[in-house]
Amino acid sequence: MGLAGGGTDVSPFADLYGGSILNATINLYAHATIIPNESGIITLDAIDQEQTIHYDTKLALPLDGKLDLLKGVYNRIAKEYLTEPVSFTLQTHVDAPPGSGLGSSSTLVVAIIGAFAHWLKLPLGEYDIAHLAYEIERIDLGLAGGRQDQYAATFGGFNFMEFYKDDKVIVNPLRIRRKFATELQNNIVLFYTGKSRESATIIDKQSAAINQNAQKQIDATLKVKEQSIKMKEALLRGELDKIGEILHIGWEFKKQMAEGISNPEIEKLYNTAIEAGSNGGKISGAGGGGFIFFYCPNNSRFKVIEAIEALNIQMTPYEFAMSGLYSYSIDS
């Protein structure tokens, strides 16, 4: 859940100006299970997508649009760490729908890397895994996007992240007092719009604007970055009454970063929540659809939930998750 600064982790902005984001992980998970065998077959089984593919064991699987995230991770692991192919079944499941804006694709890549690293005993630390996930998505598979999702999924919890040129990333874990985190969770209400979106299109427009030195978009992105710093200070100090205002200001500037971030349906949801008592919110992720969340002070969450659900948009229960990637094995 990106609370502030979203989009400042995308090149070329992060390379030229430095980006910063404050995010927090929630209990919607990506699951990856590797079952080794000696069948001479590689089986990829995406349970949530109801897709299963079989291949003869080889060091590189074809990238053809079918479960490419799974194949992309295996291909990179095989290229860097294997001298001969292995046979296994890889089963995956993601709790959040694709295109949700909650970083589900990146979280899945991190989970699969974690499973391979545990199985093959690879010497990969947290930064190594997050950076490898970023390279697999952005370079190997050519998927447009930023850098925060891979690091959030790997590290977990509340983090203030800084992004610089040459793919330099600094993750600063935040020690949020329990009562503040609990109240934040109570006051932030999450909804799924029921419409996934293709974030790459929006991100491409955002990157193009920076490349073209479009001053309006640059200034808006700098303001979004500024809100991440204000969000960090408010959370650490327990100034929760400022959270909604920071979200609202960030959302207004985020909409100026690229065309397609908002639309009339999103604006209707936003205005409905404000009228019901929220004082700020934002789309999660690049924009255009997926999840949206609102800050609801003074127990206004109940009226906001009622108002939004009257529009046939259901609330999604969640809790903050204070840990990130976890891999283990069960010996038979």
Protein backbone atom coordinates (compact mmCIF):
# COMPACT_ATOMS: atom_id res chain seq x y z
CA MET A 1 0.00 0.00 0.00
CA GLY A 2 1.81 3.11 -1.25
CA LEU A 3 0.90 5.88 1.18
CA ALA A 4 2.88 8.72 -0.37
CA GLY A 5 5.44 9.42 -3.09
CA GLY A 6 4.14 6.91 -5.62
CA GLY A 7 5.64 7.34 -9.08
CA THR A 8 8.83 9.02 -7.90
CA ASP A 9 10.59 5.63 -8.08
CA VAL A 10 10.16 5.52 -11.86
CA SER A 11 12.99 6.40 -14.25
CA PRO A 12 13.97 8.93 -15.44
CA PHE A 13 12.59 11.00 -12.54
CA ALA A 14 14.35 8.91 -9.87
CA ASP A 15 17.63 9.12 -11.79
CA LEU A 16 17.47 12.88 -12.28
CA TYR A 17 15.86 14.13 -9.08
CA GLY A 18 15.87 11.22 -6.64
CA GLY A 19 12.64 9.62 -5.55
CA SER A 20 11.17 8.80 -2.16
CA ILE A 21 8.16 6.72 -1.18
CA LEU A 22 6.50 5.72 2.06
CA ASN A 23 4.70 2.40 1.88
CA ALA A 24 3.38 -0.32 4.12
CA THR A 25 2.68 -4.00 3.48
CA ILE A 26 -0.69 -5.59 4.16
CA ASN A 27 -1.82 -9.18 4.61
CA LEU A 28 -2.58 -9.97 0.98
CA TYR A 29 0.12 -12.44 -0.03
CA ALA A 30 1.79 -14.06 -3.00
CA HIS A 31 2.51 -17.76 -2.44
CA ALA A 32 5.09 -19.86 -4.27
CA THR A 33 5.76 -23.56 -3.67
CA ILE A 34 8.50 -25.57 -5.36
CA ILE A 35 8.20 -29.36 -5.34
CA PRO A 36 11.45 -30.92 -6.66
CA ASN A 37 11.27 -34.19 -8.57
CA GLU A 38 13.22 -36.34 -11.01
CA SER A 39 10.58 -36.58 -13.72
CA GLY A 40 12.50 -34.61 -16.32
CA ILE A 41 9.50 -32.24 -16.50
CA ILE A 42 9.05 -28.64 -15.39
CA THR A 43 5.46 -27.92 -14.39
CA LEU A 44 4.22 -24.37 -13.86
CA ASP A 45 0.89 -24.24 -12.05
CA ALA A 46 -0.69 -20.81 -11.46
CA ILE A 47 -3.54 -21.91 -9.22
CA ASP A 48 -5.35 -18.55 -9.06
CA GLN A 49 -5.25 -18.18 -12.85
CA GLU A 50 -6.21 -21.82 -13.46
CA GLN A 51 -3.27 -22.25 -15.83
CA THR A 52 -0.89 -25.21 -15.87
CA ILE A 53 1.97 -25.64 -18.36
CA HIS A 54 4.43 -28.52 -18.75
CA TYR A 55 7.89 -28.40 -20.34
CA ASP A 56 10.68 -30.85 -20.84
CA THR A 57 13.48 -29.92 -18.49
CA LYS A 58 15.65 -27.16 -19.99
CA LEU A 59 17.67 -24.13 -18.88
CA ALA A 60 15.48 -21.54 -20.65
CA LEU A 61 11.70 -21.58 -21.04
CA PRO A 62 10.01 -19.68 -23.90
CA LEU A 63 8.61 -16.25 -23.07
CA ASP A 64 5.37 -16.34 -25.04
CA GLY A 65 2.84 -14.54 -22.86
CA LYS A 66 1.88 -17.63 -20.85
CA LEU A 67 2.95 -17.38 -17.19
CA ASP A 68 5.96 -15.29 -18.20
CA LEU A 69 6.53 -14.05 -14.64
CA LEU A 70 7.12 -17.62 -13.51
CA LYS A 71 9.28 -18.44 -16.51
CA GLY A 72 11.21 -15.21 -16.25
CA VAL A 73 12.30 -16.00 -12.69
CA TYR A 74 13.33 -19.55 -13.58
CA ASN A 75 15.24 -18.41 -16.67
CA ARG A 76 17.24 -15.87 -14.68
CA ILE A 77 17.95 -18.29 -11.83
CA ALA A 78 19.01 -20.96 -14.32
CA LYS A 79 21.22 -18.53 -16.23
CA GLU A 80 23.08 -17.31 -13.15
CA TYR A 81 23.11 -20.30 -10.81
CA LEU A 82 22.51 -23.58 -12.67
CA THR A 83 24.90 -25.58 -14.84
CA GLU A 84 22.30 -28.17 -15.79
CA PRO A 85 18.48 -28.06 -15.83
CA VAL A 86 16.37 -29.25 -12.93
CA SER A 87 12.87 -30.69 -12.83
CA PHE A 88 10.20 -29.44 -10.44
CA THR A 89 6.64 -28.27 -10.02
CA LEU A 90 6.18 -24.58 -9.24
CA GLN A 91 2.77 -23.70 -7.81
CA THR A 92 1.75 -20.07 -7.28
CA HIS A 93 -1.22 -18.16 -5.94
CA VAL A 94 -1.74 -14.43 -5.39
CA ASP A 95 -4.37 -13.16 -2.96
CA ALA A 96 -4.82 -9.84 -4.77
CA PRO A 97 -6.15 -9.70 -8.33
CA PRO A 98 -3.78 -8.73 -11.16
CA GLY A 99 -3.71 -5.04 -12.00
CA SER A 100 -4.84 -4.18 -8.48
CA GLY A 101 -2.25 -1.50 -7.81
CA LEU A 102 -0.99 -3.38 -4.76
CA GLY A 103 2.20 -4.64 -6.40
CA SER A 104 0.89 -8.18 -6.86
CA SER A 105 3.15 -9.01 -9.84
CA SER A 106 6.31 -7.86 -8.09
CA THR A 107 5.31 -9.63 -4.90
CA LEU A 108 4.85 -12.85 -6.85
CA VAL A 109 8.30 -12.50 -8.45
CA VAL A 110 9.85 -11.94 -5.02
CA ALA A 111 8.05 -14.99 -3.61
CA ILE A 112 9.28 -17.21 -6.46
CA ILE A 113 12.86 -15.96 -6.09
CA GLY A 114 12.63 -16.66 -2.38
CA ALA A 115 11.50 -20.23 -3.03
CA PHE A 116 14.32 -20.88 -5.50
CA ALA A 117 16.88 -19.24 -3.22
CA HIS A 118 15.81 -21.45 -0.33
CA TRP A 119 15.74 -24.62 -2.42
CA LEU A 120 19.06 -24.04 -4.16
CA LYS A 121 20.69 -22.38 -1.12
CA LEU A 122 21.57 -19.26 -3.08
CA PRO A 123 23.56 -16.52 -1.31
CA LEU A 124 20.95 -13.79 -1.69
CA GLY A 125 20.18 -11.16 0.93
CA GLU A 126 17.14 -8.89 1.03
CA TYR A 127 18.60 -6.20 -1.22
CA ASP A 128 19.85 -8.88 -3.63
CA ILE A 129 16.42 -10.48 -3.93
CA ALA A 130 14.60 -7.16 -4.38
CA HIS A 131 17.07 -5.95 -7.02
CA LEU A 132 16.96 -9.27 -8.85
CA ALA A 133 13.15 -9.11 -8.91
CA TYR A 134 13.36 -5.58 -10.32
CA GLU A 135 15.76 -6.66 -13.07
CA ILE A 136 13.65 -9.68 -14.02
CA GLU A 137 10.51 -7.57 -14.40
CA ARG A 138 11.93 -4.42 -15.89
CA ILE A 139 14.84 -5.74 -17.97
CA ASP A 140 14.34 -9.44 -18.69
CA LEU A 141 10.58 -9.19 -19.26
CA GLY A 142 10.47 -5.56 -20.36
CA LEU A 143 7.59 -4.61 -18.05
CA ALA A 144 7.34 -0.88 -17.37
CA GLY A 145 7.17 0.17 -13.73
CA GLY A 146 8.94 1.52 -10.72
CA ARG A 147 11.11 -0.02 -8.02
CA GLN A 148 9.16 0.20 -4.78
CA ASP A 149 7.04 -2.96 -5.06
CA GLN A 150 9.95 -5.42 -5.12
CA TYR A 151 11.58 -3.85 -2.06
CA ALA A 152 8.31 -3.53 -0.14
CA ALA A 153 7.48 -7.20 -0.67
CA THR A 154 10.97 -8.31 0.33
CA PHE A 155 11.41 -6.16 3.44
CA GLY A 156 7.81 -5.84 4.68
CA GLY A 157 6.42 -3.43 7.27
CA PHE A 158 6.47 0.37 7.11
CA ASN A 159 9.36 1.70 5.03
CA PHE A 160 10.58 5.04 3.77
CA MET A 161 12.44 4.26 0.55
CA GLU A 162 14.86 6.43 -1.40
CA PHE A 163 15.64 5.91 -5.09
CA TYR A 164 18.62 7.25 -7.01
CA LYS A 165 20.39 6.79 -10.34
CA ASP A 166 22.23 3.56 -11.16
CA ASP A 167 19.41 1.60 -9.47
CA LYS A 168 20.56 2.65 -6.00
CA VAL A 169 17.86 2.05 -3.40
CA ILE A 170 17.94 2.73 0.34
CA VAL A 171 15.25 1.15 2.51
CA ASN A 172 14.66 2.88 5.85
CA PRO A 173 12.41 0.75 8.11
CA LEU A 174 10.15 2.92 10.28
CA ARG A 175 9.40 2.10 13.89
CA ILE A 176 5.79 3.19 14.07
CA ARG A 177 4.35 2.97 17.58
CA ARG A 178 1.79 0.20 17.82
CA LYS A 179 -1.10 2.46 18.79
CA PHE A 180 -0.44 4.73 15.82
CA ALA A 181 -0.27 1.79 13.39
CA THR A 182 -3.49 0.38 14.86
CA GLU A 183 -5.31 3.68 14.53
CA LEU A 184 -3.97 4.13 11.01
CA GLN A 185 -5.31 0.70 10.08
CA ASN A 186 -8.67 1.59 11.60
CA ASN A 187 -8.85 4.88 9.72
CA ILE A 188 -7.68 3.75 6.27
CA VAL A 189 -10.47 1.93 4.44
CA LEU A 190 -9.59 -0.09 1.33
CA PHE A 191 -11.91 -0.77 -1.62
CA TYR A 192 -11.52 -2.74 -4.84
CA THR A 193 -13.06 -0.95 -7.80
CA GLY A 194 -13.47 -4.25 -9.64
CA LYS A 195 -11.51 -2.93 -12.59
CA SER A 196 -7.88 -3.87 -13.09
CA ARG A 197 -5.70 -1.59 -15.17
CA GLU A 198 -2.61 -1.76 -17.31
CA SER A 199 -0.13 0.29 -15.31
CA ALA A 200 2.53 0.19 -18.04
CA THR A 201 0.58 2.63 -20.25
CA ILE A 202 0.31 5.22 -17.48
CA ILE A 203 3.94 4.75 -16.44
CA ASP A 204 5.12 5.14 -20.03
CA LYS A 205 3.27 8.46 -20.26
CA GLN A 206 4.76 9.57 -16.97
CA SER A 207 8.30 8.70 -18.09
CA ALA A 208 7.79 10.36 -21.47
CA ALA A 209 6.74 13.61 -19.80
CA ILE A 210 9.92 13.69 -17.71
CA ASN A 211 12.05 12.86 -20.75
CA GLN A 212 10.43 15.74 -22.62
CA ASN A 213 11.19 18.07 -19.71
CA ALA A 214 7.49 18.85 -19.23
CA GLN A 215 7.68 21.32 -16.34
CA LYS A 216 4.11 20.80 -15.12
CA GLN A 217 4.64 17.06 -14.70
CA ILE A 218 8.07 17.53 -13.14
CA ASP A 219 6.74 20.02 -10.61
CA ALA A 220 3.81 17.74 -9.78
CA THR A 221 6.14 14.77 -9.24
CA LEU A 222 8.39 16.86 -6.98
CA LYS A 223 5.30 17.77 -4.92
CA VAL A 224 4.34 14.09 -4.68
CA LYS A 225 7.85 13.33 -3.43
CA GLU A 226 7.49 16.11 -0.85
CA GLN A 227 4.35 14.45 0.54
CA SER A 228 6.29 11.24 1.27
CA ILE A 229 8.57 13.16 3.60
CA LYS A 230 5.62 14.81 5.31
CA MET A 231 3.91 11.41 5.64
CA LYS A 232 7.00 9.95 7.30
CA GLU A 233 7.17 12.78 9.81
CA ALA A 234 3.46 12.56 10.62
CA LEU A 235 3.58 8.79 11.22
CA LEU A 236 6.70 8.89 13.37
CA ARG A 237 5.30 11.72 15.48
CA GLY A 238 1.83 10.22 15.69
CA GLU A 239 0.24 13.24 14.02
CA LEU A 240 -2.48 11.15 12.44
CA ASP A 241 -4.79 14.10 11.94
CA LYS A 242 -2.46 15.18 9.10
CA ILE A 243 -2.59 11.87 7.19
CA GLY A 244 -5.77 12.57 5.25
CA GLU A 245 -4.59 16.02 4.24
CA ILE A 246 -1.26 14.63 3.01
CA LEU A 247 -3.06 11.94 1.02
CA HIS A 248 -5.38 14.49 -0.53
CA ILE A 249 -2.58 16.87 -1.56
CA GLY A 250 -0.57 13.97 -2.95
CA TRP A 251 -3.57 12.73 -4.95
CA GLU A 252 -4.21 16.15 -6.47
CA PHE A 253 -0.60 16.39 -7.66
CA LYS A 254 -0.43 12.73 -8.73
CA LYS A 255 -3.28 13.29 -11.17
CA GLN A 256 -1.10 15.90 -12.89
CA MET A 257 1.77 13.46 -13.48
CA ALA A 258 0.19 11.65 -16.44
CA GLU A 259 -3.07 11.26 -18.31
CA GLY A 260 -5.24 8.32 -17.24
CA ILE A 261 -4.38 8.26 -13.52
CA SER A 262 -7.94 9.26 -12.69
CA ASN A 263 -11.25 9.08 -14.54
CA PRO A 264 -14.89 10.08 -13.89
CA GLU A 265 -15.68 6.85 -12.02
CA ILE A 266 -12.71 7.28 -9.70
CA GLU A 267 -13.60 10.95 -9.13
CA LYS A 268 -17.15 9.92 -8.23
CA LEU A 269 -15.84 7.44 -5.66
CA TYR A 270 -13.44 10.01 -4.26
CA ASN A 271 -16.06 12.74 -3.93
CA THR A 272 -18.52 10.29 -2.37
CA ALA A 273 -15.98 9.35 0.29
CA ILE A 274 -15.18 13.00 1.04
CA GLU A 275 -18.86 13.84 1.43
CA ALA A 276 -19.23 10.90 3.84
CA GLY A 277 -16.44 12.12 6.12
CA SER A 278 -13.08 11.13 4.62
CA ASN A 279 -10.52 13.91 4.31
CA GLY A 280 -8.25 12.30 1.72
CA GLY A 281 -7.34 9.19 -0.22
CA LYS A 282 -5.77 7.91 -3.41
CA ILE A 283 -5.69 5.14 -5.97
CA SER A 284 -3.18 2.48 -5.04
CA GLY A 285 -0.47 2.03 -7.66
CA ALA A 286 -0.07 3.80 -10.99
CA GLY A 287 -3.75 4.73 -11.26
CA GLY A 288 -6.67 4.13 -13.58
CA GLY A 289 -8.35 1.44 -11.46
CA GLY A 290 -7.61 -1.37 -9.04
CA PHE A 291 -7.73 -0.57 -5.32
CA ILE A 292 -8.55 2.81 -3.82
CA PHE A 293 -8.29 3.78 -0.17
CA PHE A 294 -9.50 6.65 2.01
CA TYR A 295 -8.45 8.08 5.34
CA CYS A 296 -11.46 8.37 7.62
CA PRO A 297 -10.90 10.39 10.82
CA ASN A 298 -13.19 10.50 13.85
CA ASN A 299 -14.76 7.07 13.18
CA SER A 300 -16.14 8.27 9.86
CA ARG A 301 -15.06 4.91 8.37
CA PHE A 302 -18.54 3.45 8.90
CA LYS A 303 -20.32 6.20 6.96
CA VAL A 304 -17.65 6.08 4.22
CA ILE A 305 -18.03 2.30 3.90
CA GLU A 306 -21.80 2.64 3.69
CA ALA A 307 -21.59 5.36 1.05
CA ILE A 308 -19.05 3.56 -1.15
CA GLU A 309 -20.75 0.18 -0.88
CA ALA A 310 -23.97 1.86 -2.01
CA LEU A 311 -22.12 2.30 -5.32
CA ASN A 312 -21.57 -1.49 -5.49
CA ILE A 313 -17.89 -1.18 -4.53
CA GLN A 314 -16.99 -3.57 -1.72
CA MET A 315 -14.61 -2.87 1.13
CA THR A 316 -11.59 -5.18 1.40
CA PRO A 317 -10.63 -6.11 4.99
CA TYR A 318 -6.88 -6.03 5.67
CA GLU A 319 -4.26 -5.74 8.38
CA PHE A 320 -0.77 -4.28 8.18
CA ALA A 321 1.87 -7.00 7.83
CA MET A 322 5.10 -6.20 9.61
CA SER A 323 7.27 -8.84 7.91
CA GLY A 324 8.16 -9.42 4.28
CA LEU A 325 9.45 -12.40 2.34
CA TYR A 326 9.59 -15.67 4.29
CA SER A 327 10.77 -18.94 2.79
CA TYR A 328 10.99 -22.37 4.39
CA SER A 329 11.08 -26.07 3.56
CA ILE A 330 9.13 -29.06 4.83
CA ASP A 331 11.22 -32.24 4.87
CA SER A 332 9.37 -35.45 4.13
